[in-house]
Protein backbone atom coordinates (compact mmCIF):
# COMPACT_ATOMS: atom_id res chain seq x y z
CA MET A 1 21.62 -82.02 19.17
CA TYR A 2 25.39 -82.04 19.16
CA TRP A 3 28.38 -81.48 16.87
CA ILE A 4 31.92 -82.84 16.87
CA ALA A 5 34.76 -80.41 16.13
CA PHE A 6 38.47 -80.98 15.55
CA GLY A 7 41.33 -79.58 13.51
CA ASP A 8 44.99 -79.85 12.61
CA VAL A 9 44.30 -83.09 10.81
CA HIS A 10 47.44 -82.97 8.65
CA GLU A 11 46.18 -85.91 6.59
CA SER A 12 46.21 -88.22 9.62
CA THR A 13 42.70 -89.61 10.07
CA GLY A 14 43.31 -92.90 11.86
CA VAL A 15 41.62 -91.88 15.11
CA LEU A 16 38.28 -90.99 13.54
CA GLY A 17 36.81 -94.40 14.27
CA SER A 18 37.56 -93.94 17.96
CA ILE A 19 35.60 -90.68 18.39
CA PRO A 20 32.43 -91.58 20.26
CA GLY A 21 29.20 -90.39 18.67
CA LEU A 22 30.84 -89.14 15.47
CA ALA A 23 28.41 -90.89 13.14
CA ARG A 24 25.33 -89.69 15.03
CA ALA A 25 26.43 -86.05 15.36
CA SER A 26 24.40 -83.32 13.70
CA GLY A 27 27.59 -82.36 11.92
CA VAL A 28 31.40 -82.17 11.96
CA ILE A 29 33.35 -78.91 12.14
CA ILE A 30 36.98 -78.98 10.94
CA THR A 31 39.01 -75.96 12.04
CA GLY A 32 41.82 -76.03 9.50
CA ASP A 33 45.02 -77.78 8.43
CA LEU A 34 43.32 -80.66 6.69
CA THR A 35 46.50 -81.26 4.67
CA ASN A 36 50.26 -80.81 4.62
CA ARG A 37 50.60 -78.27 1.80
CA GLY A 38 48.28 -80.54 -0.17
CA GLY A 39 45.93 -79.94 -3.06
CA ARG A 40 42.53 -81.15 -4.22
CA GLU A 41 43.38 -84.84 -3.95
CA SER A 42 44.68 -84.50 -0.40
CA ALA A 43 41.61 -82.54 0.61
CA ASP A 44 39.35 -85.19 -0.91
CA ARG A 45 41.13 -87.96 0.98
CA VAL A 46 40.70 -86.20 4.31
CA VAL A 47 37.10 -85.19 3.66
CA GLY A 48 36.33 -88.67 2.38
CA ALA A 49 37.72 -90.27 5.52
CA VAL A 50 35.54 -88.05 7.69
CA ALA A 51 32.50 -88.56 5.46
CA ASP A 52 32.81 -92.32 5.90
CA PHE A 53 31.65 -91.67 9.47
CA ASN A 54 29.58 -88.50 9.01
CA PRO A 55 28.99 -86.69 5.70
CA ARG A 56 27.67 -83.48 7.30
CA ILE A 57 30.97 -81.59 7.22
CA LEU A 58 31.79 -77.89 7.56
CA ALA A 59 35.46 -76.92 7.21
CA LEU A 60 37.87 -74.04 6.82
CA PRO A 61 41.50 -73.93 5.66
CA GLY A 62 44.51 -73.59 7.92
CA ASN A 63 47.98 -72.26 7.18
CA MET A 64 49.10 -75.66 5.85
CA ASP A 65 46.30 -75.74 3.28
CA THR A 66 46.72 -74.35 -0.21
CA GLU A 67 44.25 -72.32 -2.25
CA ALA A 68 43.39 -75.56 -4.05
CA VAL A 69 42.20 -77.07 -0.76
CA GLN A 70 40.00 -74.05 -0.09
CA ALA A 71 38.62 -74.17 -3.62
CA ARG A 72 37.76 -77.84 -3.18
CA LEU A 73 35.89 -77.13 0.07
CA VAL A 74 33.88 -74.50 -1.78
CA GLU A 75 33.13 -76.90 -4.63
CA ARG A 76 31.90 -79.51 -2.19
CA GLY A 77 29.63 -77.05 -0.41
CA MET A 78 31.26 -77.44 2.99
CA ASP A 79 33.35 -74.27 3.21
CA ILE A 80 32.89 -71.92 6.20
CA HIS A 81 35.81 -69.55 5.56
CA LEU A 82 34.36 -66.00 5.68
CA ARG A 83 30.90 -67.56 5.85
CA VAL A 84 28.11 -67.86 8.37
CA ARG A 85 25.90 -70.94 8.76
CA GLU A 86 22.84 -71.55 10.90
CA LEU A 87 23.37 -74.76 12.85
CA ALA A 88 20.02 -74.63 14.64
CA PRO A 89 17.38 -71.99 15.31
CA GLY A 90 19.19 -69.25 17.21
CA LEU A 91 22.63 -70.88 16.86
CA GLY A 92 25.14 -69.65 14.29
CA LEU A 93 28.61 -70.67 13.16
CA MET A 94 31.09 -68.31 11.50
CA GLY A 95 34.49 -69.26 10.18
CA VAL A 96 37.80 -67.55 9.41
CA GLY A 97 40.67 -69.68 8.19
CA TYR A 98 44.43 -69.42 7.50
CA SER A 99 46.92 -67.88 9.94
CA THR A 100 49.18 -64.90 10.41
CA PRO A 101 52.79 -65.27 9.17
CA THR A 102 54.86 -68.13 10.60
CA PRO A 103 58.64 -68.79 10.46
CA PHE A 104 57.96 -71.67 8.07
CA GLY A 105 56.52 -69.90 5.03
CA THR A 106 53.39 -72.03 4.88
CA PRO A 107 50.91 -71.56 2.01
CA GLY A 108 47.96 -70.22 4.00
CA GLU A 109 49.36 -67.11 5.68
CA VAL A 110 47.87 -63.60 5.69
CA ALA A 111 48.73 -60.34 7.41
CA GLU A 112 47.43 -59.67 10.90
CA GLU A 113 45.39 -56.74 9.57
CA THR A 114 43.78 -58.99 6.96
CA LEU A 115 42.78 -61.60 9.53
CA ALA A 116 41.29 -58.96 11.86
CA GLY A 117 39.35 -57.42 8.98
CA TRP A 118 38.01 -60.82 7.95
CA LEU A 119 36.73 -61.47 11.46
CA ASP A 120 34.85 -58.17 11.63
CA ALA A 121 33.37 -58.51 8.14
CA THR A 122 32.21 -62.07 8.74
CA HIS A 123 30.78 -61.25 12.15
CA ALA A 124 28.63 -58.54 10.56
CA GLN A 125 26.66 -61.38 8.93
CA ALA A 126 26.13 -63.17 12.25
CA ALA A 127 24.96 -60.54 14.71
CA HIS A 128 21.36 -61.76 14.73
CA PHE A 129 22.03 -65.15 16.36
CA ASP A 130 21.24 -65.73 20.02
CA ALA A 131 24.42 -67.81 20.39
CA LEU A 132 27.44 -67.77 18.09
CA ILE A 133 30.27 -70.24 17.58
CA VAL A 134 33.42 -68.81 15.97
CA ALA A 135 35.76 -71.23 14.22
CA VAL A 136 39.13 -69.52 13.63
CA HIS A 137 42.34 -71.42 12.92
CA GLU A 138 44.56 -68.78 14.50
CA PRO A 139 44.29 -68.66 18.32
CA PRO A 140 44.02 -65.48 20.40
CA LEU A 141 47.20 -63.99 21.81
CA GLY A 142 48.05 -64.33 25.49
CA SER A 143 45.68 -67.18 26.23
CA GLY A 144 45.91 -70.79 27.32
CA VAL A 145 45.52 -71.94 23.71
CA ASP A 146 48.41 -70.17 21.94
CA ARG A 147 51.49 -71.28 23.89
CA LEU A 148 54.47 -73.01 22.33
CA GLY A 149 56.30 -75.70 24.27
CA ASN A 150 58.69 -73.07 25.63
CA GLY A 151 55.80 -71.05 27.02
CA GLN A 152 55.90 -68.31 24.39
CA HIS A 153 52.52 -66.92 23.32
CA VAL A 154 52.27 -66.71 19.52
CA GLY A 155 48.59 -66.08 18.81
CA SER A 156 46.91 -63.11 17.18
CA PRO A 157 46.16 -59.85 19.01
CA GLY A 158 43.42 -59.21 16.45
CA VAL A 159 41.69 -62.49 17.27
CA ARG A 160 41.84 -61.70 20.98
CA ALA A 161 40.48 -58.18 20.48
CA PHE A 162 37.68 -59.57 18.33
CA ILE A 163 36.67 -62.07 21.03
CA GLU A 164 36.76 -59.41 23.76
CA ARG A 165 34.64 -57.06 21.67
CA THR A 166 32.03 -59.42 20.21
CA ARG A 167 31.82 -61.98 23.05
CA PRO A 168 30.86 -65.12 21.11
CA ALA A 169 29.61 -68.02 23.19
CA LEU A 170 32.30 -70.41 21.93
CA VAL A 171 35.55 -70.09 19.97
CA LEU A 172 37.06 -73.17 18.30
CA THR A 173 40.70 -72.74 17.36
CA GLY A 174 43.89 -74.69 16.76
CA HIS A 175 47.19 -74.09 14.92
CA ILE A 176 49.39 -74.48 18.02
CA HIS A 177 49.43 -78.25 18.44
CA GLU A 178 51.02 -78.36 21.88
CA SER A 179 48.51 -75.92 23.35
CA ARG A 180 45.54 -78.23 23.76
CA ALA A 181 43.44 -76.44 26.36
CA VAL A 182 40.22 -74.74 27.41
CA ASP A 183 40.35 -71.08 28.36
CA ARG A 184 37.99 -68.17 28.86
CA ILE A 185 38.31 -64.68 27.46
CA GLY A 186 35.64 -62.53 29.04
CA HIS A 187 32.31 -64.23 28.42
CA SER A 188 33.71 -66.59 25.75
CA THR A 189 34.90 -70.18 26.08
CA VAL A 190 37.92 -70.84 23.86
CA ILE A 191 39.02 -74.39 23.02
CA ASN A 192 42.04 -75.72 21.13
CA PRO A 193 41.77 -79.54 20.85
CA GLY A 194 45.31 -79.94 19.47
CA MET A 195 46.18 -82.27 16.61
CA LEU A 196 43.54 -84.79 15.62
CA ALA A 197 46.21 -87.50 15.63
CA GLY A 198 46.65 -86.81 19.34
CA GLY A 199 43.03 -87.73 19.91
CA GLY A 200 41.64 -84.32 20.86
CA PHE A 201 38.17 -83.19 19.82
CA VAL A 202 35.34 -80.98 21.05
CA ARG A 203 31.77 -82.09 21.67
CA ILE A 204 29.31 -79.20 21.35
CA GLU A 205 25.74 -79.53 22.60
CA TYR A 206 22.78 -77.21 22.12
CA ARG A 207 19.68 -77.91 24.16
CA GLU A 208 16.73 -75.60 24.76
CA GLY A 209 18.81 -72.58 23.76
CA ALA A 210 21.75 -73.47 26.00
CA LEU A 211 25.17 -74.07 24.39
CA SER A 212 27.89 -76.16 26.05
CA ALA A 213 31.23 -77.53 24.84
CA ASP A 214 33.69 -80.02 26.25
CA LEU A 215 37.28 -80.77 25.30
CA MET A 216 37.56 -84.55 25.03
CA SER A 217 40.12 -87.13 23.98
CA VAL A 218 39.96 -90.66 22.61
């Protein structure tokens, strides 16, 4: 069984039809920024475009998503923000959305301490899984997935500390569009596929208790 993950959609869904295996995937994981400061209607358009290929969607909000977007994900039963889902026997998925403050005053920003607390509280619900995937919109600080174009690292120290401490099998992140990359922090693989419009996505496979993930591009 396999899942397709991507994020930073920003209401641009034109590449969906080019993602191989999207329709046959066990599910789709969206790691935030479905919209551009949009509301319910914008969220529905994005979710609807994805559902045209695969209706089994799990999603969390990013910093460009409003509370109305998050509320709509909850209403549609696909929200994973501060939630834990079982993807398969022994395999769990936990999600933490939004981001720490940016220079742009986006609608989905929270304090660093809040984000770190959310991660710990949500992980407490997921400790029993043999393998855990963490979907978090904000990337970890000082990694290959949080660099701006000028090389500056702008991720979260709390996210990094959480990964080092809890050692999830896989971390799916985003937020920093230009930092499409695969990195490792301790025992954890960390992947930022960049903006969906740029063609980046992650294919996650789980076979006989073994989890693998590949950064791919259309």
